Amino acid sequence: MSMFYIYLLFSKSLNKYHVGSTSKIEERLLKHNSNHKGFTGTTNDWQLAYFEEFATKFEAFKREKI
């Protein structure tokens, strides 16, 4: 059974936080730190500041939107 997560990332260079949800937290962090289009692609110093685990994607998504 797959687990789902909400996560909070922090970028020291931007002094900003980013919240998201995923089933593969390690892969998602690598994606955020890669050079890609979008807000998190502007820097590569994102660090995992916090996460919560959920049994379903719906629960994680619901928590992300709070």
C-alpha atoms as a PDB file:
ATOM      1  CA  MET A   1       0.000   0.000   0.000  1.00  0.00           C
ATOM      2  CA  SER A   2       1.398   3.376  -1.008  1.00  0.00           C
ATOM      3  CA  MET A   3       1.539   6.202   1.477  1.00  0.00           C
ATOM      4  CA  PHE A   4       0.951   9.816   0.566  1.00  0.00           C
ATOM      5  CA  TYR A   5       2.599  12.877   2.038  1.00  0.00           C
ATOM      6  CA  ILE A   6       2.207  16.588   2.391  1.00  0.00           C
ATOM      7  CA  TYR A   7       5.517  18.372   2.692  1.00  0.00           C
ATOM      8  CA  LEU A   8       6.907  21.784   3.478  1.00  0.00           C
ATOM      9  CA  LEU A   9      10.123  22.852   1.780  1.00  0.00           C
ATOM     10  CA  PHE A  10      12.302  25.833   2.645  1.00  0.00           C
ATOM     11  CA  SER A  11      14.745  27.713   0.419  1.00  0.00           C
ATOM     12  CA  LYS A  12      17.323  29.732   2.338  1.00  0.00           C
ATOM     13  CA  SER A  13      18.362  31.730  -0.747  1.00  0.00           C
ATOM     14  CA  LEU A  14      14.766  32.795  -1.435  1.00  0.00           C
ATOM     15  CA  ASN A  15      13.708  32.836   2.230  1.00  0.00           C
ATOM     16  CA  LYS A  16      10.480  31.149   1.083  1.00  0.00           C
ATOM     17  CA  TYR A  17       8.445  28.058   1.874  1.00  0.00           C
ATOM     18  CA  HIS A  18       6.653  25.747  -0.552  1.00  0.00           C
ATOM     19  CA  VAL A  19       3.952  23.190   0.305  1.00  0.00           C
ATOM     20  CA  GLY A  20       3.008  20.196  -1.811  1.00  0.00           C
ATOM     21  CA  SER A  21       1.795  16.599  -1.776  1.00  0.00           C
ATOM     22  CA  THR A  22       3.196  13.409  -3.299  1.00  0.00           C
ATOM     23  CA  SER A  23       3.492   9.647  -2.924  1.00  0.00           C
ATOM     24  CA  LYS A  24       7.270   9.723  -3.546  1.00  0.00           C
ATOM     25  CA  ILE A  25       8.752  12.376  -1.291  1.00  0.00           C
ATOM     26  CA  GLU A  26      12.428  11.734  -2.117  1.00  0.00           C
ATOM     27  CA  GLU A  27      11.821  11.906  -5.870  1.00  0.00           C
ATOM     28  CA  ARG A  28       9.725  15.035  -5.475  1.00  0.00           C
ATOM     29  CA  LEU A  29      12.490  16.815  -3.550  1.00  0.00           C
ATOM     30  CA  LEU A  30      14.957  15.963  -6.334  1.00  0.00           C
ATOM     31  CA  LYS A  31      12.520  17.413  -8.894  1.00  0.00           C
ATOM     32  CA  HIS A  32      12.135  20.651  -6.904  1.00  0.00           C
ATOM     33  CA  ASN A  33      15.924  21.007  -6.786  1.00  0.00           C
ATOM     34  CA  SER A  34      16.342  20.454 -10.527  1.00  0.00           C
ATOM     35  CA  ASN A  35      16.447  23.187 -13.126  1.00  0.00           C
ATOM     36  CA  HIS A  36      12.836  23.293 -14.335  1.00  0.00           C
ATOM     37  CA  LYS A  37      10.166  25.846 -15.143  1.00  0.00           C
ATOM     38  CA  GLY A  38       8.100  26.988 -12.204  1.00  0.00           C
ATOM     39  CA  PHE A  39       8.572  28.609  -8.837  1.00  0.00           C
ATOM     40  CA  THR A  40      10.820  25.985  -7.238  1.00  0.00           C
ATOM     41  CA  GLY A  41      13.035  25.667 -10.329  1.00  0.00           C
ATOM     42  CA  THR A  42      14.581  29.084  -9.734  1.00  0.00           C
ATOM     43  CA  THR A  43      16.955  27.718  -7.069  1.00  0.00           C
ATOM     44  CA  ASN A  44      18.305  24.350  -5.982  1.00  0.00           C
ATOM     45  CA  ASP A  45      18.605  24.725  -2.221  1.00  0.00           C
ATOM     46  CA  TRP A  46      15.153  23.404  -1.211  1.00  0.00           C
ATOM     47  CA  GLN A  47      15.248  21.402   2.009  1.00  0.00           C
ATOM     48  CA  LEU A  48      12.535  19.303   3.579  1.00  0.00           C
ATOM     49  CA  ALA A  49      11.356  21.259   6.629  1.00  0.00           C
ATOM     50  CA  TYR A  50       8.306  19.151   7.558  1.00  0.00           C
ATOM     51  CA  PHE A  51       6.086  16.328   6.302  1.00  0.00           C
ATOM     52  CA  GLU A  52       2.993  14.373   7.305  1.00  0.00           C
ATOM     53  CA  GLU A  53       2.002  10.901   6.121  1.00  0.00           C
ATOM     54  CA  PHE A  54      -1.497   9.862   4.979  1.00  0.00           C
ATOM     55  CA  ALA A  55      -3.145   6.631   3.882  1.00  0.00           C
ATOM     56  CA  THR A  56      -4.872   8.171   0.849  1.00  0.00           C
ATOM     57  CA  LYS A  57      -4.117  10.785  -1.790  1.00  0.00           C
ATOM     58  CA  PHE A  58      -7.391  12.532  -0.947  1.00  0.00           C
ATOM     59  CA  GLU A  59      -6.406  12.952   2.722  1.00  0.00           C
ATOM     60  CA  ALA A  60      -3.002  14.360   1.778  1.00  0.00           C
ATOM     61  CA  PHE A  61      -4.471  16.738  -0.798  1.00  0.00           C
ATOM     62  CA  LYS A  62      -7.113  17.910   1.676  1.00  0.00           C
ATOM     63  CA  ARG A  63      -4.438  18.636   4.305  1.00  0.00           C
ATOM     64  CA  GLU A  64      -2.258  20.441   1.744  1.00  0.00           C
ATOM     65  CA  LYS A  65      -5.072  22.917   1.058  1.00  0.00           C
ATOM     66  CA  ILE A  66      -5.536  23.928   4.722  1.00  0.00           C
END
